[in-house]
Amino acid sequence: MTYQSPQAALDDADRLANAARRSGRWYANYLVAYAIGTLILALLVGAFPGSFGAVVGIGIWLVLVAALTIYQYRQRATIKRFGALHSIVIAVWGVLWIITVVVGSLYFVGQLGWWIGAGIATALPPLVGAVVVYRQTR
């Protein structure tokens, strides 16, 4: 590329940098879908105690995770520190999900209020991650 002026080169570089930054926004959408999925999973497990809720919930969860994985692999760009952010979100979510299942299975079987609250709690890490990504990709 040849530019008529240094300002044209700087403008082009700025435009490309902005486009690259915005192209990482897909990850925020991924995290929102993940948050919705975990809430639905908790609601299914809580609304249908026993194996039915677990089997249906895990089936839907596996389809969602597979779809999100395919979506993620089709993206061309990522955000700065993607690996660290993703690791933190999934680790915190995992701890909350383990607490949800263990405590819910021991003390709150059939009590939908627990599962609603726990579903909201497990949705928070991906939602916070989505906010971080939205801010980073403005």
Protein backbone atom coordinates (compact mmCIF):
# COMPACT_ATOMS: atom_id res chain seq x y z
CA MET A 1 0.00 0.00 0.00
CA THR A 2 1.16 3.46 -0.77
CA TYR A 3 -0.31 6.48 0.91
CA GLN A 4 -0.47 10.06 -0.28
CA SER A 5 0.10 11.35 3.24
CA PRO A 6 1.21 10.11 6.65
CA GLN A 7 -2.22 11.07 8.00
CA ALA A 8 -3.90 8.70 5.53
CA ALA A 9 -1.66 5.88 6.73
CA LEU A 10 -2.47 6.67 10.38
CA ASP A 11 -6.19 6.84 9.62
CA ASP A 12 -6.04 3.47 7.89
CA ALA A 13 -4.09 1.95 10.78
CA ASP A 14 -6.62 3.34 13.26
CA ARG A 15 -9.51 1.96 11.23
CA LEU A 16 -7.91 -1.49 11.07
CA ALA A 17 -7.13 -1.49 14.81
CA ASN A 18 -10.75 -0.61 15.63
CA ALA A 19 -12.07 -3.32 13.31
CA ALA A 20 -9.73 -5.91 14.87
CA ARG A 21 -10.76 -4.93 18.39
CA ARG A 22 -14.49 -5.11 17.56
CA SER A 23 -14.08 -8.49 15.88
CA GLY A 24 -13.39 -10.02 19.30
CA ARG A 25 -16.89 -9.11 20.46
CA TRP A 26 -18.16 -12.56 19.47
CA TYR A 27 -16.80 -13.85 22.78
CA ALA A 28 -19.23 -11.66 24.74
CA ASN A 29 -22.10 -13.23 22.80
CA TYR A 30 -20.64 -16.66 23.54
CA LEU A 31 -20.58 -15.88 27.26
CA VAL A 32 -24.17 -14.59 27.27
CA ALA A 33 -25.33 -17.80 25.59
CA TYR A 34 -23.32 -19.80 28.14
CA ALA A 35 -24.98 -17.88 30.99
CA ILE A 36 -28.46 -18.53 29.60
CA GLY A 37 -27.60 -22.19 29.13
CA THR A 38 -26.40 -22.67 32.69
CA LEU A 39 -29.54 -20.99 34.04
CA ILE A 40 -31.72 -23.31 31.95
CA LEU A 41 -29.69 -26.31 33.09
CA ALA A 42 -30.18 -25.43 36.76
CA LEU A 43 -33.90 -24.84 36.22
CA LEU A 44 -34.36 -28.20 34.49
CA VAL A 45 -32.48 -30.06 37.21
CA GLY A 46 -34.48 -28.25 39.89
CA ALA A 47 -37.90 -28.47 38.23
CA PHE A 48 -37.56 -32.18 37.47
CA PRO A 49 -35.70 -33.82 40.37
CA GLY A 50 -34.22 -37.18 39.63
CA SER A 51 -32.81 -38.65 36.51
CA PHE A 52 -35.28 -37.05 34.05
CA GLY A 53 -34.22 -33.48 34.80
CA ALA A 54 -30.55 -34.44 34.86
CA VAL A 55 -30.68 -36.36 31.59
CA VAL A 56 -32.69 -33.71 29.71
CA GLY A 57 -30.65 -30.87 31.23
CA ILE A 58 -27.30 -32.48 30.46
CA GLY A 59 -28.48 -33.36 26.94
CA ILE A 60 -29.40 -29.75 26.24
CA TRP A 61 -26.18 -28.58 27.90
CA LEU A 62 -24.05 -30.85 25.69
CA VAL A 63 -25.77 -29.57 22.56
CA LEU A 64 -25.20 -25.97 23.70
CA VAL A 65 -21.53 -26.55 24.52
CA ALA A 66 -20.98 -28.30 21.18
CA ALA A 67 -22.66 -25.42 19.32
CA LEU A 68 -20.63 -22.84 21.25
CA THR A 69 -17.42 -24.75 20.55
CA ILE A 70 -18.16 -24.82 16.81
CA TYR A 71 -19.05 -21.11 16.96
CA GLN A 72 -15.80 -20.33 18.76
CA TYR A 73 -13.64 -22.24 16.28
CA ARG A 74 -15.20 -20.36 13.37
CA GLN A 75 -14.12 -16.96 14.72
CA ARG A 76 -11.08 -15.28 13.24
CA ALA A 77 -10.09 -12.97 16.07
CA THR A 78 -9.90 -13.03 19.81
CA ILE A 79 -9.49 -10.50 22.56
CA LYS A 80 -6.38 -9.72 24.57
CA ARG A 81 -5.85 -12.18 27.40
CA PHE A 82 -8.61 -14.45 26.06
CA GLY A 83 -7.10 -17.55 27.66
CA ALA A 84 -6.86 -15.98 31.09
CA LEU A 85 -10.38 -14.55 31.01
CA HIS A 86 -11.89 -17.79 29.71
CA SER A 87 -10.04 -19.83 32.34
CA ILE A 88 -11.23 -17.60 35.16
CA VAL A 89 -14.85 -17.57 33.95
CA ILE A 90 -14.99 -21.36 33.53
CA ALA A 91 -13.17 -22.05 36.82
CA VAL A 92 -15.48 -19.81 38.86
CA TRP A 93 -18.51 -21.19 37.02
CA GLY A 94 -17.30 -24.76 37.70
CA VAL A 95 -16.91 -24.16 41.43
CA LEU A 96 -20.37 -22.58 41.62
CA TRP A 97 -21.89 -25.42 39.58
CA ILE A 98 -20.33 -28.07 41.85
CA ILE A 99 -21.70 -26.24 44.90
CA THR A 100 -25.10 -25.98 43.19
CA VAL A 101 -25.31 -29.69 42.42
CA VAL A 102 -23.84 -31.02 45.66
CA VAL A 103 -25.74 -28.76 48.04
CA GLY A 104 -28.91 -28.87 45.94
CA SER A 105 -28.87 -32.66 45.69
CA LEU A 106 -28.30 -33.07 49.41
CA TYR A 107 -30.55 -30.41 50.89
CA PHE A 108 -32.80 -28.83 48.26
CA VAL A 109 -34.23 -31.66 46.15
CA GLY A 110 -37.49 -30.46 44.64
CA GLN A 111 -37.11 -26.93 46.00
CA LEU A 112 -37.18 -24.83 42.84
CA GLY A 113 -36.21 -21.63 44.70
CA TRP A 114 -32.74 -23.04 45.40
CA TRP A 115 -32.23 -23.99 41.77
CA ILE A 116 -33.41 -20.61 40.50
CA GLY A 117 -31.01 -18.80 42.81
CA ALA A 118 -28.20 -21.21 42.02
CA GLY A 119 -28.90 -20.86 38.29
CA ILE A 120 -28.60 -17.11 38.60
CA ALA A 121 -25.39 -17.49 40.62
CA THR A 122 -23.85 -19.80 38.02
CA ALA A 123 -24.84 -17.39 35.25
CA LEU A 124 -22.99 -14.50 36.90
CA PRO A 125 -19.37 -15.47 35.99
CA PRO A 126 -20.09 -15.63 32.24
CA LEU A 127 -22.18 -12.46 32.41
CA VAL A 128 -19.38 -10.59 34.19
CA GLY A 129 -16.98 -11.94 31.57
CA ALA A 130 -19.30 -10.67 28.82
CA VAL A 131 -19.27 -7.18 30.35
CA VAL A 132 -15.46 -7.26 30.42
CA VAL A 133 -15.39 -8.27 26.74
CA TYR A 134 -17.96 -5.64 25.71
CA ARG A 135 -15.87 -2.95 27.43
CA GLN A 136 -12.65 -4.21 25.89
CA THR A 137 -14.12 -4.31 22.37
CA ARG A 138 -15.77 -0.89 22.28
